[in-house]
Amino acid sequence: MEPRIDIVCPYSVEWPRNSEGSIAVLHDGRWLLAWSGFYGGFWDDSPAHIMGKWSHDKGETWSDPFIMKENDAERCVASASLAVIDDGSIGLVYCHKKNETDECRPFFQKSSDEGRNFGTDKTMVPATMTPWYGGSLNGSLFQMSTGRLVAPIYPPQTVMAAYSDDAGESWELSSKTTTVEGPGPYYAYPSGGAAEPVAFERRDGTLLFIFRTALGTLYAAESADGGETLSDAYDTGLMSPRAPCAVGRIPATGDILIVWNRARPLPNDHGPRAPLTAAISRDEGMTWENVKDLEPDRDTINTYASLAFDGDLVLVTYSLGQVDVDDKWGTKTSFRSLPALKLARVPYQWFYE
């Protein structure tokens, strides 16, 4: 029961970068894949649409790509996050980047016709908060057992949540956020570099946020009120460069799965963003075991994972990039090339072998 790994969004001259994927598994079994489709370059602030495609046969074949959210920003719209809501609608959170320095905001849209059309933008950050720069990580939107939608977000050096109790019509922000102290030993940052959080709901209803830092490990914070306030941050002990993770609950076992770049950080660097590693928690994220590499290749970049679940299958999307030989894991040249999006279809039992 080995993973099946395929490139689902290859690069081309027209699309030099396809990255940051998210999959929604619909009630009728179809898969909707969304990702950042960069058409005007390969930098984070190059022009990009939110692209989509469908699979009706569990990833064996895919439809032609289509524009899910057209770029209406000065820079790009990117970093899609899909979630199927209890009423059957599909929620989409994405980042709208006007410029590189002081204006990037998360927005929400919803489809009530099974993904054929998405509605108007819903503001997640009040327009009065200007300037405001922050985003949400691909694949991080989820719905709590209470019905509340939660989108972990991150203005600079801060982890917080946007949450909605009316299926995305209106949004509130955490009144107490969290951060980490710095500067980190591995990256020349003015603070600890808290960013790109993900979260999941524990069995007791609390939320656990896990996020990247510049301190050499992933950090975490907890919320007992659905993201309205976050605790102080603490070290998970999971070695990591300045790169994000993905978390989710495996339906077949109820255990928590994490996928991240398990590597010792290099000085003054984001990387290495390889290998891509998985681990299981049987105690709601307190400890981790069954550590194994999903993508062991250390000669490529494998990052920005997302998780989805369909029966016994775990679906892991992640961005594939090439290492610049002249500046291996350089601070920006290593990110010139995140050209392709990969999908790993993994029987859940593999994570326990």
Protein backbone atom coordinates (compact mmCIF):
# COMPACT_ATOMS: atom_id res chain seq x y z
CA MET A 1 0.00 0.00 0.00
CA GLU A 2 2.54 2.53 -1.16
CA PRO A 3 1.64 6.17 -1.92
CA ARG A 4 0.74 7.08 -5.48
CA ILE A 5 2.41 10.41 -6.28
CA ASP A 6 1.68 12.37 -9.47
CA ILE A 7 2.27 15.84 -10.84
CA VAL A 8 -1.28 17.17 -11.26
CA CYS A 9 -0.42 20.72 -12.35
CA PRO A 10 2.78 20.79 -14.43
CA TYR A 11 4.52 23.99 -15.34
CA SER A 12 4.64 25.47 -18.83
CA VAL A 13 5.75 28.64 -20.53
CA GLU A 14 2.24 29.99 -20.01
CA TRP A 15 2.10 28.82 -16.37
CA PRO A 16 5.65 29.05 -14.95
CA ARG A 17 4.49 28.30 -11.39
CA ASN A 18 1.66 26.17 -10.01
CA SER A 19 1.70 25.96 -6.23
CA GLU A 20 -0.20 26.03 -2.89
CA GLY A 21 -2.95 23.52 -3.53
CA SER A 22 -6.12 22.58 -1.66
CA ILE A 23 -8.67 19.80 -2.31
CA ALA A 24 -12.34 19.66 -1.37
CA VAL A 25 -13.95 16.19 -1.35
CA LEU A 26 -17.63 16.69 -2.20
CA HIS A 27 -20.46 14.61 -0.80
CA ASP A 28 -20.99 12.95 -4.19
CA GLY A 29 -17.36 11.80 -4.31
CA ARG A 30 -15.97 14.38 -6.72
CA TRP A 31 -12.71 16.16 -5.94
CA LEU A 32 -12.26 19.87 -6.53
CA LEU A 33 -8.65 21.00 -6.66
CA ALA A 34 -7.70 24.68 -6.31
CA TRP A 35 -4.23 26.19 -6.56
CA SER A 36 -2.22 29.33 -7.26
CA GLY A 37 -1.68 29.56 -11.01
CA PHE A 38 1.06 32.11 -11.70
CA TYR A 39 0.99 33.35 -15.29
CA GLY A 40 3.26 36.40 -15.18
CA GLY A 41 6.36 35.08 -13.43
CA PHE A 42 7.33 32.80 -10.58
CA TRP A 43 7.78 35.20 -7.64
CA ASP A 44 5.31 35.32 -4.76
CA ASP A 45 4.01 38.68 -5.99
CA SER A 46 3.87 37.80 -9.70
CA PRO A 47 0.41 37.83 -11.33
CA ALA A 48 -1.70 34.77 -10.49
CA HIS A 49 -5.27 33.47 -10.61
CA ILE A 50 -6.87 30.90 -8.33
CA MET A 51 -7.19 27.96 -10.71
CA GLY A 52 -9.34 24.85 -10.40
CA LYS A 53 -9.96 21.43 -11.91
CA TRP A 54 -12.21 18.45 -11.20
CA SER A 55 -11.71 14.72 -10.79
CA HIS A 56 -14.64 12.29 -10.97
CA ASP A 57 -12.53 9.15 -10.45
CA LYS A 58 -10.49 9.81 -7.31
CA GLY A 59 -7.60 11.47 -9.07
CA GLU A 60 -7.11 9.05 -11.96
CA THR A 61 -8.07 11.75 -14.47
CA TRP A 62 -8.69 15.49 -14.21
CA SER A 63 -10.72 18.03 -16.13
CA ASP A 64 -9.15 20.89 -18.02
CA PRO A 65 -8.11 23.71 -15.67
CA PHE A 66 -10.35 26.74 -15.29
CA ILE A 67 -10.11 30.09 -13.53
CA MET A 68 -11.87 29.80 -10.17
CA LYS A 69 -11.06 33.32 -9.00
CA GLU A 70 -9.74 35.78 -11.57
CA ASN A 71 -6.89 38.02 -10.56
CA ASP A 72 -8.41 41.40 -9.67
CA ALA A 73 -5.49 42.57 -7.56
CA GLU A 74 -2.56 44.75 -8.49
CA ARG A 75 -0.29 41.77 -7.82
CA CYS A 76 -2.07 38.42 -7.48
CA VAL A 77 -4.74 36.30 -5.88
CA ALA A 78 -3.21 33.15 -4.43
CA SER A 79 -3.06 30.57 -1.63
CA ALA A 80 -6.43 28.87 -2.00
CA SER A 81 -8.09 27.08 0.90
CA LEU A 82 -11.21 24.99 0.27
CA ALA A 83 -13.61 23.42 2.77
CA VAL A 84 -16.93 21.63 2.37
CA ILE A 85 -19.39 23.22 4.80
CA ASP A 86 -22.08 21.27 6.65
CA ASP A 87 -24.86 22.68 4.45
CA GLY A 88 -23.12 21.26 1.36
CA SER A 89 -21.69 24.54 0.14
CA ILE A 90 -17.98 24.99 -0.56
CA GLY A 91 -16.00 27.72 1.16
CA LEU A 92 -12.97 29.34 -0.45
CA VAL A 93 -10.44 31.55 1.33
CA TYR A 94 -7.71 33.21 -0.70
CA CYS A 95 -5.18 36.03 -0.40
CA HIS A 96 -5.62 39.26 -2.37
CA LYS A 97 -2.26 41.00 -2.73
CA LYS A 98 -2.26 44.60 -3.91
CA ASN A 99 1.42 45.19 -3.33
CA GLU A 100 4.47 43.65 -1.75
CA THR A 101 4.75 45.76 1.36
CA ASP A 102 1.54 46.91 3.01
CA GLU A 103 -1.64 45.47 1.48
CA CYS A 104 -2.47 41.78 1.42
CA ARG A 105 -5.80 40.52 2.78
CA PRO A 106 -7.69 37.23 3.04
CA PHE A 107 -11.14 37.07 1.45
CA PHE A 108 -13.92 34.46 1.55
CA GLN A 109 -16.25 33.23 -1.18
CA LYS A 110 -18.86 30.48 -1.12
CA SER A 111 -20.33 28.21 -3.76
CA SER A 112 -23.87 26.92 -3.25
CA ASP A 113 -24.02 25.04 -6.56
CA GLU A 114 -21.33 22.41 -5.95
CA GLY A 115 -18.45 24.52 -7.13
CA ARG A 116 -19.81 25.69 -10.47
CA ASN A 117 -19.95 29.31 -9.31
CA PHE A 118 -18.61 31.19 -6.32
CA GLY A 119 -20.36 34.19 -4.82
CA THR A 120 -19.18 37.67 -3.99
CA ASP A 121 -16.17 38.40 -1.83
CA LYS A 122 -16.73 38.59 1.91
CA THR A 123 -14.28 40.77 3.80
CA MET A 124 -12.48 38.88 6.56
CA VAL A 125 -10.45 41.86 7.79
CA PRO A 126 -12.32 45.17 8.31
CA ALA A 127 -11.60 47.75 5.64
CA THR A 128 -10.86 50.25 8.40
CA MET A 129 -7.73 48.25 9.26
CA THR A 130 -5.53 49.97 6.68
CA PRO A 131 -2.82 49.30 5.85
CA TRP A 132 -3.08 45.59 6.63
CA TYR A 133 -0.72 42.89 5.41
CA GLY A 134 -1.41 39.25 6.17
CA GLY A 135 -2.64 36.07 4.64
CA SER A 136 -3.90 32.56 5.15
CA LEU A 137 -2.13 29.32 4.36
CA ASN A 138 -3.42 27.08 1.59
CA GLY A 139 -5.66 24.28 2.83
CA SER A 140 -6.15 25.77 6.30
CA LEU A 141 -9.89 26.64 6.33
CA PHE A 142 -12.04 24.26 8.42
CA GLN A 143 -15.37 24.00 10.20
CA MET A 144 -15.69 23.18 13.90
CA SER A 145 -18.22 20.78 15.36
CA THR A 146 -20.17 23.85 16.51
CA GLY A 147 -20.55 24.98 12.90
CA ARG A 148 -18.06 27.83 13.26
CA LEU A 149 -15.76 28.41 10.30
CA VAL A 150 -12.15 29.08 11.27
CA ALA A 151 -9.40 30.42 9.05
CA PRO A 152 -5.99 30.74 10.71
CA ILE A 153 -4.34 33.94 9.46
CA TYR A 154 -1.10 35.80 10.03
CA PRO A 155 -0.36 39.49 9.91
CA PRO A 156 3.42 40.03 10.26
CA GLN A 157 4.99 38.00 13.09
CA THR A 158 1.56 37.18 14.54
CA VAL A 159 -0.77 34.19 14.59
CA MET A 160 -4.51 34.67 14.94
CA ALA A 161 -7.84 33.44 13.57
CA ALA A 162 -10.68 34.80 11.51
CA TYR A 163 -13.94 33.06 12.45
CA SER A 164 -17.53 33.09 11.27
CA ASP A 165 -20.73 31.82 12.88
CA ASP A 166 -22.97 32.55 9.90
CA ALA A 167 -21.43 30.32 7.22
CA GLY A 168 -18.99 32.99 6.06
CA GLU A 169 -21.33 35.96 5.69
CA SER A 170 -19.42 37.92 8.32
CA TRP A 171 -16.10 37.44 10.08
CA GLU A 172 -14.48 38.36 13.38
CA LEU A 173 -10.80 38.39 14.36
CA SER A 174 -9.09 37.05 17.46
CA SER A 175 -8.97 39.61 20.25
CA LYS A 176 -5.87 37.96 21.72
CA THR A 177 -3.21 36.81 19.28
CA THR A 178 0.10 35.02 19.76
CA THR A 179 3.68 35.41 18.62
CA VAL A 180 7.15 34.11 19.51
CA GLU A 181 10.25 35.81 20.75
CA GLY A 182 13.33 36.22 18.57
CA PRO A 183 15.53 36.76 16.75
CA GLY A 184 15.84 33.14 15.75
CA PRO A 185 19.20 31.38 15.63
CA TYR A 186 18.65 30.17 12.06
CA TYR A 187 17.24 33.16 10.27
CA ALA A 188 18.08 36.85 10.46
CA TYR A 189 14.60 38.03 11.49
CA PRO A 190 13.75 40.82 13.91
CA SER A 191 11.50 38.48 15.85
CA GLY A 192 10.70 34.81 15.99
CA GLY A 193 8.98 34.75 12.63
CA ALA A 194 5.60 33.31 13.65
CA ALA A 195 3.61 32.78 10.44
CA GLU A 196 1.48 30.49 8.29
CA PRO A 197 -0.61 28.73 10.95
CA VAL A 198 -2.84 25.72 10.59
CA ALA A 199 -5.24 24.41 13.23
CA PHE A 200 -7.51 21.53 14.13
CA GLU A 201 -10.24 20.90 16.68
CA ARG A 202 -9.42 18.56 19.53
CA ARG A 203 -11.96 16.11 20.89
CA ASP A 204 -12.63 18.42 23.84
CA GLY A 205 -13.54 21.30 21.51
CA THR A 206 -10.36 23.31 21.98
CA LEU A 207 -8.28 24.34 18.98
CA LEU A 208 -4.58 23.67 18.50
CA PHE A 209 -2.74 26.07 16.18
CA ILE A 210 0.63 24.97 14.77
CA PHE A 211 2.84 27.37 12.86
CA ARG A 212 6.26 27.99 11.42
CA THR A 213 8.92 30.08 13.14
CA ALA A 214 12.52 31.15 12.63
CA LEU A 215 13.57 29.34 15.81
CA GLY A 216 14.31 25.93 14.30
CA THR A 217 11.05 24.22 15.33
CA LEU A 218 7.31 24.43 14.83
CA TYR A 219 5.45 26.24 17.59
CA ALA A 220 1.87 25.86 18.83
CA ALA A 221 -0.85 27.80 20.65
CA GLU A 222 -4.24 26.76 21.99
CA SER A 223 -7.69 28.30 22.01
CA ALA A 224 -10.52 27.33 24.34
CA ASP A 225 -13.05 29.64 22.68
CA GLY A 226 -12.99 28.76 19.00
CA GLY A 227 -10.18 31.10 18.02
CA GLU A 228 -11.44 34.22 19.79
CA THR A 229 -8.34 34.22 21.99
CA LEU A 230 -5.08 32.31 21.64
CA SER A 231 -2.74 31.18 24.40
CA ASP A 232 0.93 32.03 24.59
CA ALA A 233 2.99 30.09 22.07
CA TYR A 234 5.07 27.06 23.02
CA ASP A 235 7.62 24.85 21.30
CA THR A 236 6.31 21.58 19.83
CA GLY A 237 9.82 20.15 19.58
CA LEU A 238 9.25 19.29 15.91
CA MET A 239 12.44 20.31 14.07
CA SER A 240 11.62 22.52 11.12
CA PRO A 241 13.04 25.25 8.91
CA ARG A 242 11.04 28.42 8.35
CA ALA A 243 8.36 26.48 6.47
CA PRO A 244 4.71 25.62 7.14
CA CYS A 245 2.98 22.34 7.97
CA ALA A 246 -0.41 20.72 7.35
CA VAL A 247 -2.57 18.95 9.95
CA GLY A 248 -5.80 16.98 9.92
CA ARG A 249 -7.69 14.16 11.61
CA ILE A 250 -7.62 10.75 9.90
CA PRO A 251 -11.29 9.67 9.77
CA ALA A 252 -10.54 5.94 9.94
CA THR A 253 -8.57 6.13 13.20
CA GLY A 254 -9.33 9.49 14.74
CA ASP A 255 -5.62 10.23 15.08
CA ILE A 256 -4.01 13.53 14.03
CA LEU A 257 -1.69 13.59 11.00
CA ILE A 258 0.97 16.23 10.46
CA VAL A 259 3.03 16.76 7.29
CA TRP A 260 6.00 19.13 7.37
CA ASN A 261 9.62 19.68 6.35
CA ARG A 262 11.56 17.78 9.00
CA ALA A 263 15.04 19.24 8.59
CA ARG A 264 17.59 21.22 10.53
CA PRO A 265 17.44 24.84 9.32
CA LEU A 266 20.36 26.42 7.55
CA PRO A 267 21.68 29.76 8.82
CA ASN A 268 20.02 32.86 7.33
CA ASP A 269 17.77 30.74 5.18
CA HIS A 270 14.21 29.49 4.68
CA GLY A 271 15.33 25.93 4.02
CA PRO A 272 15.98 23.20 3.51
CA ARG A 273 12.36 22.55 2.55
CA ALA A 274 12.98 18.85 2.16
CA PRO A 275 12.30 16.09 2.93
CA LEU A 276 8.51 16.11 3.33
CA THR A 277 7.76 14.09 6.46
CA ALA A 278 4.65 12.75 8.17
CA ALA A 279 3.91 11.81 11.77
CA ILE A 280 0.92 10.60 13.80
CA SER A 281 -0.40 11.88 17.13
CA ARG A 282 -2.63 9.63 19.22
CA ASP A 283 -3.00 12.21 21.99
CA GLU A 284 -4.48 15.25 20.19
CA GLY A 285 -1.19 16.81 19.16
CA MET A 286 0.73 16.49 22.42
CA THR A 287 3.27 13.95 21.12
CA TRP A 288 4.15 12.58 17.68
CA GLU A 289 5.21 9.12 16.48
CA ASN A 290 5.41 6.97 13.33
CA VAL A 291 7.71 9.56 11.78
CA LYS A 292 8.44 8.73 8.12
CA ASP A 293 9.27 10.55 4.92
CA LEU A 294 6.49 10.88 2.38
CA GLU A 295 8.77 12.61 -0.12
CA PRO A 296 12.41 11.82 0.82
CA ASP A 297 14.05 13.67 -2.10
CA ARG A 298 16.45 16.25 -0.70
CA ASP A 299 17.43 17.64 -4.10
CA THR A 300 14.08 19.36 -4.66
CA ILE A 301 11.84 21.73 -2.73
CA ASN A 302 8.70 20.01 -1.39
CA THR A 303 6.59 22.40 0.63
CA TYR A 304 3.19 24.04 1.26
CA ALA A 305 1.38 20.77 1.87
CA SER A 306 -2.38 20.47 2.34
CA LEU A 307 -4.47 17.53 3.56
CA ALA A 308 -7.85 16.12 2.56
CA PHE A 309 -9.48 12.74 3.24
CA ASP A 310 -11.66 10.44 1.16
CA GLY A 311 -12.53 7.13 2.79
CA ASP A 312 -9.28 5.25 3.36
CA LEU A 313 -7.27 7.69 1.23
CA VAL A 314 -5.26 10.63 2.53
CA LEU A 315 -4.76 13.30 -0.15
CA VAL A 316 -1.60 15.39 0.22
CA THR A 317 -0.94 18.21 -2.21
CA TYR A 318 2.43 19.95 -2.13
CA SER A 319 4.50 22.31 -4.22
CA LEU A 320 7.51 20.92 -6.05
CA GLY A 321 10.46 23.15 -6.82
CA GLN A 322 14.01 22.85 -8.01
CA VAL A 323 17.04 23.86 -5.99
CA ASP A 324 19.20 26.57 -7.52
CA VAL A 325 22.62 24.91 -7.75
CA ASP A 326 24.49 28.23 -7.68
CA ASP A 327 22.73 29.36 -4.50
CA LYS A 328 21.43 26.22 -2.86
CA TRP A 329 18.50 27.07 -0.57
CA GLY A 330 19.19 30.78 -1.05
CA THR A 331 16.82 33.22 0.56
CA LYS A 332 14.96 34.09 -2.61
CA THR A 333 16.57 32.44 -5.62
CA SER A 334 15.49 29.04 -4.31
CA PHE A 335 11.90 30.21 -4.68
CA ARG A 336 12.27 31.27 -8.29
CA SER A 337 11.07 27.83 -9.25
CA LEU A 338 8.03 26.23 -7.61
CA PRO A 339 6.80 25.12 -11.00
CA ALA A 340 4.58 22.12 -10.32
CA LEU A 341 1.91 20.90 -7.94
CA LYS A 342 2.05 17.28 -6.81
CA LEU A 343 -0.62 15.04 -5.31
CA ALA A 344 0.12 12.04 -3.11
CA ARG A 345 -2.76 9.58 -2.72
CA VAL A 346 -1.87 7.60 0.36
CA PRO A 347 -3.76 4.71 2.01
CA TYR A 348 -4.04 5.80 5.63
CA GLN A 349 -2.51 2.51 6.78
CA TRP A 350 0.82 3.56 5.23
CA PHE A 351 1.30 6.18 7.95
CA TYR A 352 1.17 3.41 10.58
CA GLU A 353 3.49 0.89 8.91
